[in-house]
Amino acid sequence: AVRSRRGPSNPFGRPLWLTQPARAPATPARPEIPMTFNRDSIIAIVLLLACGGLLVASFDIREPDYGQLSPAAWPRAVLGATALLSLIYLVQSLRAGPSQVATEGPRGLAGFAAHWRNVLWVFALFLAYLLAMPWIGMLLGGIAFAFLLLTALGGLRLAPRHAAIALVAVGGVWALFTFGLEVILPRGELTGF
């Protein structure tokens, strides 16, 4: 049998490279990203639909004859940012996989309060903020609300940091609206500011 210089031959004398089917070049396999629908996906879709509906409704805001900035500019900016964050939330929730079924914890009122402790803190402190605002005003009430909420959710050991965040955030927003935008914010009967 005559051997080809290109490699081994088959019994019929033809080189194997002529008789074997050509192989497709190997392509690197792309990792598949699982996309699963879960509870977070539903929330993200509801948020996107709400943003879309509110954005459409923002076109019904009346345009005044004065001023340079449209009254619909800020709502549209906030809705755009919220829609972008909701879209990121949707993608992350689809990549996360199926929702885990929660295991049952303690039953009864004590179990309910333990499970929803943070949510209950938020609602209780916000109610206290709203009830106290007519007497202490937006500035002191907002600082107290932010500090107490951060401390209730984050623990007492970070209380100095919570106080600094509350003072800077609420004080900054109050100063921006009061002095920069000249908006009259709720004043307290006891404090006068």
C-alpha atoms as a PDB file:
ATOM      1  CA  ALA A   1       0.000   0.000   0.000  1.00  0.00           C
ATOM      2  CA  VAL A   2       1.196   3.414  -0.887  1.00  0.00           C
ATOM      3  CA  ARG A   3       1.381   5.802   2.023  1.00  0.00           C
ATOM      4  CA  SER A   4       0.649   9.443   1.599  1.00  0.00           C
ATOM      5  CA  ARG A   5       2.869  12.025   3.101  1.00  0.00           C
ATOM      6  CA  ARG A   6      -0.199  13.683   4.588  1.00  0.00           C
ATOM      7  CA  GLY A   7      -0.915  10.896   7.042  1.00  0.00           C
ATOM      8  CA  PRO A   8      -2.214   7.343   7.312  1.00  0.00           C
ATOM      9  CA  SER A   9      -4.323   5.910   4.506  1.00  0.00           C
ATOM     10  CA  ASN A  10      -7.382   3.653   4.506  1.00  0.00           C
ATOM     11  CA  PRO A  11      -7.466   0.191   2.909  1.00  0.00           C
ATOM     12  CA  PHE A  12      -8.479   1.699  -0.450  1.00  0.00           C
ATOM     13  CA  GLY A  13      -5.277   3.709  -0.724  1.00  0.00           C
ATOM     14  CA  ARG A  14      -6.856   7.132  -0.206  1.00  0.00           C
ATOM     15  CA  PRO A  15      -5.539   9.340   2.568  1.00  0.00           C
ATOM     16  CA  LEU A  16      -7.829   9.480   5.605  1.00  0.00           C
ATOM     17  CA  TRP A  17      -8.077  13.224   5.427  1.00  0.00           C
ATOM     18  CA  LEU A  18      -9.924  12.827   2.120  1.00  0.00           C
ATOM     19  CA  THR A  19     -12.370  10.195   3.389  1.00  0.00           C
ATOM     20  CA  GLN A  20     -13.261  11.614   6.814  1.00  0.00           C
ATOM     21  CA  PRO A  21     -15.968  14.284   7.010  1.00  0.00           C
ATOM     22  CA  ALA A  22     -14.721  17.741   7.823  1.00  0.00           C
ATOM     23  CA  ARG A  23     -15.278  18.773  11.404  1.00  0.00           C
ATOM     24  CA  ALA A  24     -16.731  22.134  12.214  1.00  0.00           C
ATOM     25  CA  PRO A  25     -14.250  24.364  13.996  1.00  0.00           C
ATOM     26  CA  ALA A  26     -14.751  24.240  17.737  1.00  0.00           C
ATOM     27  CA  THR A  27     -16.541  27.307  19.024  1.00  0.00           C
ATOM     28  CA  PRO A  28     -16.211  28.239  22.637  1.00  0.00           C
ATOM     29  CA  ALA A  29     -19.405  27.359  24.454  1.00  0.00           C
ATOM     30  CA  ARG A  30     -21.191  30.354  25.885  1.00  0.00           C
ATOM     31  CA  PRO A  31     -22.285  29.932  29.460  1.00  0.00           C
ATOM     32  CA  GLU A  32     -26.049  29.834  29.586  1.00  0.00           C
ATOM     33  CA  ILE A  33     -27.656  32.270  31.954  1.00  0.00           C
ATOM     34  CA  PRO A  34     -30.810  30.743  33.379  1.00  0.00           C
ATOM     35  CA  MET A  35     -33.802  33.037  33.088  1.00  0.00           C
ATOM     36  CA  THR A  36     -36.535  32.034  35.512  1.00  0.00           C
ATOM     37  CA  PHE A  37     -39.703  33.840  36.371  1.00  0.00           C
ATOM     38  CA  ASN A  38     -40.214  34.400  40.129  1.00  0.00           C
ATOM     39  CA  ARG A  39     -41.970  36.713  42.591  1.00  0.00           C
ATOM     40  CA  ASP A  40     -39.371  39.448  42.172  1.00  0.00           C
ATOM     41  CA  SER A  41     -39.924  39.340  38.411  1.00  0.00           C
ATOM     42  CA  ILE A  42     -43.627  40.001  38.932  1.00  0.00           C
ATOM     43  CA  ILE A  43     -42.876  42.973  41.202  1.00  0.00           C
ATOM     44  CA  ALA A  44     -40.401  44.378  38.672  1.00  0.00           C
ATOM     45  CA  ILE A  45     -42.948  44.079  35.859  1.00  0.00           C
ATOM     46  CA  VAL A  46     -45.628  45.776  37.993  1.00  0.00           C
ATOM     47  CA  LEU A  47     -43.166  48.601  38.755  1.00  0.00           C
ATOM     48  CA  LEU A  48     -42.343  48.992  35.051  1.00  0.00           C
ATOM     49  CA  LEU A  49     -46.045  49.104  34.158  1.00  0.00           C
ATOM     50  CA  ALA A  50     -46.694  51.678  36.893  1.00  0.00           C
ATOM     51  CA  CYS A  51     -43.796  53.817  35.638  1.00  0.00           C
ATOM     52  CA  GLY A  52     -45.149  53.602  32.101  1.00  0.00           C
ATOM     53  CA  GLY A  53     -48.668  54.555  33.192  1.00  0.00           C
ATOM     54  CA  LEU A  54     -47.438  57.481  35.287  1.00  0.00           C
ATOM     55  CA  LEU A  55     -45.171  58.638  32.473  1.00  0.00           C
ATOM     56  CA  VAL A  56     -48.145  58.703  30.096  1.00  0.00           C
ATOM     57  CA  ALA A  57     -50.147  60.591  32.750  1.00  0.00           C
ATOM     58  CA  SER A  58     -47.333  63.143  33.091  1.00  0.00           C
ATOM     59  CA  PHE A  59     -48.177  64.426  29.612  1.00  0.00           C
ATOM     60  CA  ASP A  60     -51.499  65.677  31.023  1.00  0.00           C
ATOM     61  CA  ILE A  61     -49.743  68.095  33.380  1.00  0.00           C
ATOM     62  CA  ARG A  62     -50.699  71.617  32.400  1.00  0.00           C
ATOM     63  CA  GLU A  63     -47.909  73.797  31.006  1.00  0.00           C
ATOM     64  CA  PRO A  64     -47.950  77.302  32.528  1.00  0.00           C
ATOM     65  CA  ASP A  65     -47.164  80.428  30.524  1.00  0.00           C
ATOM     66  CA  TYR A  66     -44.296  81.427  32.798  1.00  0.00           C
ATOM     67  CA  GLY A  67     -41.032  79.849  33.825  1.00  0.00           C
ATOM     68  CA  GLN A  68     -38.509  77.881  31.879  1.00  0.00           C
ATOM     69  CA  LEU A  69     -38.749  74.432  33.429  1.00  0.00           C
ATOM     70  CA  SER A  70     -41.863  72.388  32.756  1.00  0.00           C
ATOM     71  CA  PRO A  71     -43.789  71.197  35.834  1.00  0.00           C
ATOM     72  CA  ALA A  72     -43.589  67.690  34.359  1.00  0.00           C
ATOM     73  CA  ALA A  73     -39.769  67.695  34.223  1.00  0.00           C
ATOM     74  CA  TRP A  74     -39.132  66.387  37.755  1.00  0.00           C
ATOM     75  CA  PRO A  75     -41.844  63.715  37.695  1.00  0.00           C
ATOM     76  CA  ARG A  76     -40.509  62.453  34.359  1.00  0.00           C
ATOM     77  CA  ALA A  77     -36.929  62.438  35.665  1.00  0.00           C
ATOM     78  CA  VAL A  78     -37.937  60.487  38.765  1.00  0.00           C
ATOM     79  CA  LEU A  79     -40.052  58.096  36.675  1.00  0.00           C
ATOM     80  CA  GLY A  80     -37.176  57.577  34.248  1.00  0.00           C
ATOM     81  CA  ALA A  81     -34.777  56.740  37.081  1.00  0.00           C
ATOM     82  CA  THR A  82     -37.355  54.459  38.713  1.00  0.00           C
ATOM     83  CA  ALA A  83     -38.020  52.694  35.402  1.00  0.00           C
ATOM     84  CA  LEU A  84     -34.286  52.163  34.859  1.00  0.00           C
ATOM     85  CA  LEU A  85     -33.867  50.724  38.361  1.00  0.00           C
ATOM     86  CA  SER A  86     -36.959  48.538  37.847  1.00  0.00           C
ATOM     87  CA  LEU A  87     -35.496  47.221  34.600  1.00  0.00           C
ATOM     88  CA  ILE A  88     -32.238  46.353  36.396  1.00  0.00           C
ATOM     89  CA  TYR A  89     -34.328  44.696  39.115  1.00  0.00           C
ATOM     90  CA  LEU A  90     -36.165  42.647  36.472  1.00  0.00           C
ATOM     91  CA  VAL A  91     -32.943  41.411  34.862  1.00  0.00           C
ATOM     92  CA  GLN A  92     -31.435  40.521  38.246  1.00  0.00           C
ATOM     93  CA  SER A  93     -34.591  38.699  39.329  1.00  0.00           C
ATOM     94  CA  LEU A  94     -34.685  36.695  36.108  1.00  0.00           C
ATOM     95  CA  ARG A  95     -31.052  35.664  36.577  1.00  0.00           C
ATOM     96  CA  ALA A  96     -31.546  34.778  40.253  1.00  0.00           C
ATOM     97  CA  GLY A  97     -33.611  31.684  39.632  1.00  0.00           C
ATOM     98  CA  PRO A  98     -36.838  30.463  41.175  1.00  0.00           C
ATOM     99  CA  SER A  99     -38.065  31.866  44.465  1.00  0.00           C
ATOM    100  CA  GLN A 100     -37.359  29.870  47.564  1.00  0.00           C
ATOM    101  CA  VAL A 101     -40.421  28.729  49.475  1.00  0.00           C
ATOM    102  CA  ALA A 102     -40.308  30.255  52.928  1.00  0.00           C
ATOM    103  CA  THR A 103     -40.223  27.833  55.802  1.00  0.00           C
ATOM    104  CA  GLU A 104     -42.917  28.277  58.367  1.00  0.00           C
ATOM    105  CA  GLY A 105     -41.865  30.050  61.497  1.00  0.00           C
ATOM    106  CA  PRO A 106     -43.665  30.608  64.761  1.00  0.00           C
ATOM    107  CA  ARG A 107     -47.398  31.081  64.400  1.00  0.00           C
ATOM    108  CA  GLY A 108     -49.696  33.597  66.001  1.00  0.00           C
ATOM    109  CA  LEU A 109     -49.290  37.284  66.678  1.00  0.00           C
ATOM    110  CA  ALA A 110     -45.773  36.881  68.096  1.00  0.00           C
ATOM    111  CA  GLY A 111     -44.638  35.016  64.970  1.00  0.00           C
ATOM    112  CA  PHE A 112     -46.237  37.625  62.718  1.00  0.00           C
ATOM    113  CA  ALA A 113     -44.556  40.481  64.622  1.00  0.00           C
ATOM    114  CA  ALA A 114     -41.183  38.724  64.578  1.00  0.00           C
ATOM    115  CA  HIS A 115     -41.381  38.025  60.852  1.00  0.00           C
ATOM    116  CA  TRP A 116     -42.519  41.528  59.866  1.00  0.00           C
ATOM    117  CA  ARG A 117     -40.556  43.429  62.549  1.00  0.00           C
ATOM    118  CA  ASN A 118     -38.760  45.805  60.160  1.00  0.00           C
ATOM    119  CA  VAL A 119     -41.908  46.650  58.205  1.00  0.00           C
ATOM    120  CA  LEU A 120     -43.801  47.338  61.422  1.00  0.00           C
ATOM    121  CA  TRP A 121     -40.976  49.635  62.622  1.00  0.00           C
ATOM    122  CA  VAL A 122     -41.153  51.630  59.389  1.00  0.00           C
ATOM    123  CA  PHE A 123     -44.923  52.125  59.565  1.00  0.00           C
ATOM    124  CA  ALA A 124     -44.948  52.921  63.297  1.00  0.00           C
ATOM    125  CA  LEU A 125     -42.129  55.463  63.049  1.00  0.00           C
ATOM    126  CA  PHE A 126     -43.627  57.088  59.950  1.00  0.00           C
ATOM    127  CA  LEU A 127     -46.978  57.428  61.731  1.00  0.00           C
ATOM    128  CA  ALA A 128     -45.208  59.021  64.712  1.00  0.00           C
ATOM    129  CA  TYR A 129     -43.380  61.381  62.312  1.00  0.00           C
ATOM    130  CA  LEU A 130     -46.640  62.475  60.703  1.00  0.00           C
ATOM    131  CA  LEU A 131     -48.325  62.991  64.073  1.00  0.00           C
ATOM    132  CA  ALA A 132     -45.377  64.968  65.483  1.00  0.00           C
ATOM    133  CA  MET A 133     -44.802  67.185  62.426  1.00  0.00           C
ATOM    134  CA  PRO A 134     -47.406  69.866  63.329  1.00  0.00           C
ATOM    135  CA  TRP A 135     -45.658  70.432  66.679  1.00  0.00           C
ATOM    136  CA  ILE A 136     -41.959  70.040  65.868  1.00  0.00           C
ATOM    137  CA  GLY A 137     -41.913  70.774  62.134  1.00  0.00           C
ATOM    138  CA  MET A 138     -40.437  69.046  59.129  1.00  0.00           C
ATOM    139  CA  LEU A 139     -36.781  69.666  59.998  1.00  0.00           C
ATOM    140  CA  LEU A 140     -36.679  68.243  63.542  1.00  0.00           C
ATOM    141  CA  GLY A 141     -39.329  65.621  62.776  1.00  0.00           C
ATOM    142  CA  GLY A 142     -37.459  64.456  59.683  1.00  0.00           C
ATOM    143  CA  ILE A 143     -34.141  64.256  61.527  1.00  0.00           C
ATOM    144  CA  ALA A 144     -35.764  62.315  64.380  1.00  0.00           C
ATOM    145  CA  PHE A 145     -37.575  59.993  61.949  1.00  0.00           C
ATOM    146  CA  ALA A 146     -34.439  59.256  59.902  1.00  0.00           C
ATOM    147  CA  PHE A 147     -32.292  58.695  62.996  1.00  0.00           C
ATOM    148  CA  LEU A 148     -34.824  56.458  64.754  1.00  0.00           C
ATOM    149  CA  LEU A 149     -35.522  54.441  61.629  1.00  0.00           C
ATOM    150  CA  LEU A 150     -31.833  53.898  60.853  1.00  0.00           C
ATOM    151  CA  THR A 151     -31.190  52.921  64.464  1.00  0.00           C
ATOM    152  CA  ALA A 152     -34.202  50.584  64.632  1.00  0.00           C
ATOM    153  CA  LEU A 153     -33.132  48.783  61.459  1.00  0.00           C
ATOM    154  CA  GLY A 154     -29.350  49.028  61.845  1.00  0.00           C
ATOM    155  CA  GLY A 155     -28.783  48.666  65.559  1.00  0.00           C
ATOM    156  CA  LEU A 156     -27.571  50.932  68.353  1.00  0.00           C
ATOM    157  CA  ARG A 157     -23.849  50.438  67.797  1.00  0.00           C
ATOM    158  CA  LEU A 158     -23.985  52.627  64.660  1.00  0.00           C
ATOM    159  CA  ALA A 159     -26.024  55.394  66.329  1.00  0.00           C
ATOM    160  CA  PRO A 160     -23.389  58.150  65.804  1.00  0.00           C
ATOM    161  CA  ARG A 161     -23.260  57.340  62.095  1.00  0.00           C
ATOM    162  CA  HIS A 162     -27.064  57.302  61.940  1.00  0.00           C
ATOM    163  CA  ALA A 163     -27.192  60.728  63.604  1.00  0.00           C
ATOM    164  CA  ALA A 164     -24.714  62.149  61.079  1.00  0.00           C
ATOM    165  CA  ILE A 165     -26.630  60.685  58.130  1.00  0.00           C
ATOM    166  CA  ALA A 166     -29.947  62.019  59.464  1.00  0.00           C
ATOM    167  CA  LEU A 167     -28.536  65.510  60.076  1.00  0.00           C
ATOM    168  CA  VAL A 168     -26.827  65.782  56.694  1.00  0.00           C
ATOM    169  CA  ALA A 169     -29.586  64.205  54.600  1.00  0.00           C
ATOM    170  CA  VAL A 170     -32.655  65.821  56.152  1.00  0.00           C
ATOM    171  CA  GLY A 171     -30.872  69.095  56.931  1.00  0.00           C
ATOM    172  CA  GLY A 172     -29.537  69.267  53.374  1.00  0.00           C
ATOM    173  CA  VAL A 173     -32.930  68.633  51.797  1.00  0.00           C
ATOM    174  CA  TRP A 174     -34.553  71.138  54.168  1.00  0.00           C
ATOM    175  CA  ALA A 175     -31.927  73.805  53.329  1.00  0.00           C
ATOM    176  CA  LEU A 176     -32.251  73.134  49.595  1.00  0.00           C
ATOM    177  CA  PHE A 177     -36.019  73.531  49.632  1.00  0.00           C
ATOM    178  CA  THR A 178     -36.094  76.430  52.119  1.00  0.00           C
ATOM    179  CA  PHE A 179     -33.264  78.582  50.790  1.00  0.00           C
ATOM    180  CA  GLY A 180     -32.571  77.304  47.271  1.00  0.00           C
ATOM    181  CA  LEU A 181     -36.078  76.721  45.979  1.00  0.00           C
ATOM    182  CA  GLU A 182     -37.860  79.013  48.466  1.00  0.00           C
ATOM    183  CA  VAL A 183     -40.508  76.398  49.257  1.00  0.00           C
ATOM    184  CA  ILE A 184     -42.358  76.849  52.531  1.00  0.00           C
ATOM    185  CA  LEU A 185     -42.082  73.591  54.448  1.00  0.00           C
ATOM    186  CA  PRO A 186     -44.236  72.639  57.476  1.00  0.00           C
ATOM    187  CA  ARG A 187     -43.144  74.580  60.557  1.00  0.00           C
ATOM    188  CA  GLY A 188     -43.634  73.316  64.090  1.00  0.00           C
ATOM    189  CA  GLU A 189     -45.880  75.152  66.530  1.00  0.00           C
ATOM    190  CA  LEU A 190     -43.408  74.514  69.341  1.00  0.00           C
ATOM    191  CA  THR A 191     -40.198  75.212  67.404  1.00  0.00           C
ATOM    192  CA  GLY A 192     -41.152  77.817  64.795  1.00  0.00           C
ATOM    193  CA  PHE A 193     -39.034  76.185  62.067  1.00  0.00           C
END
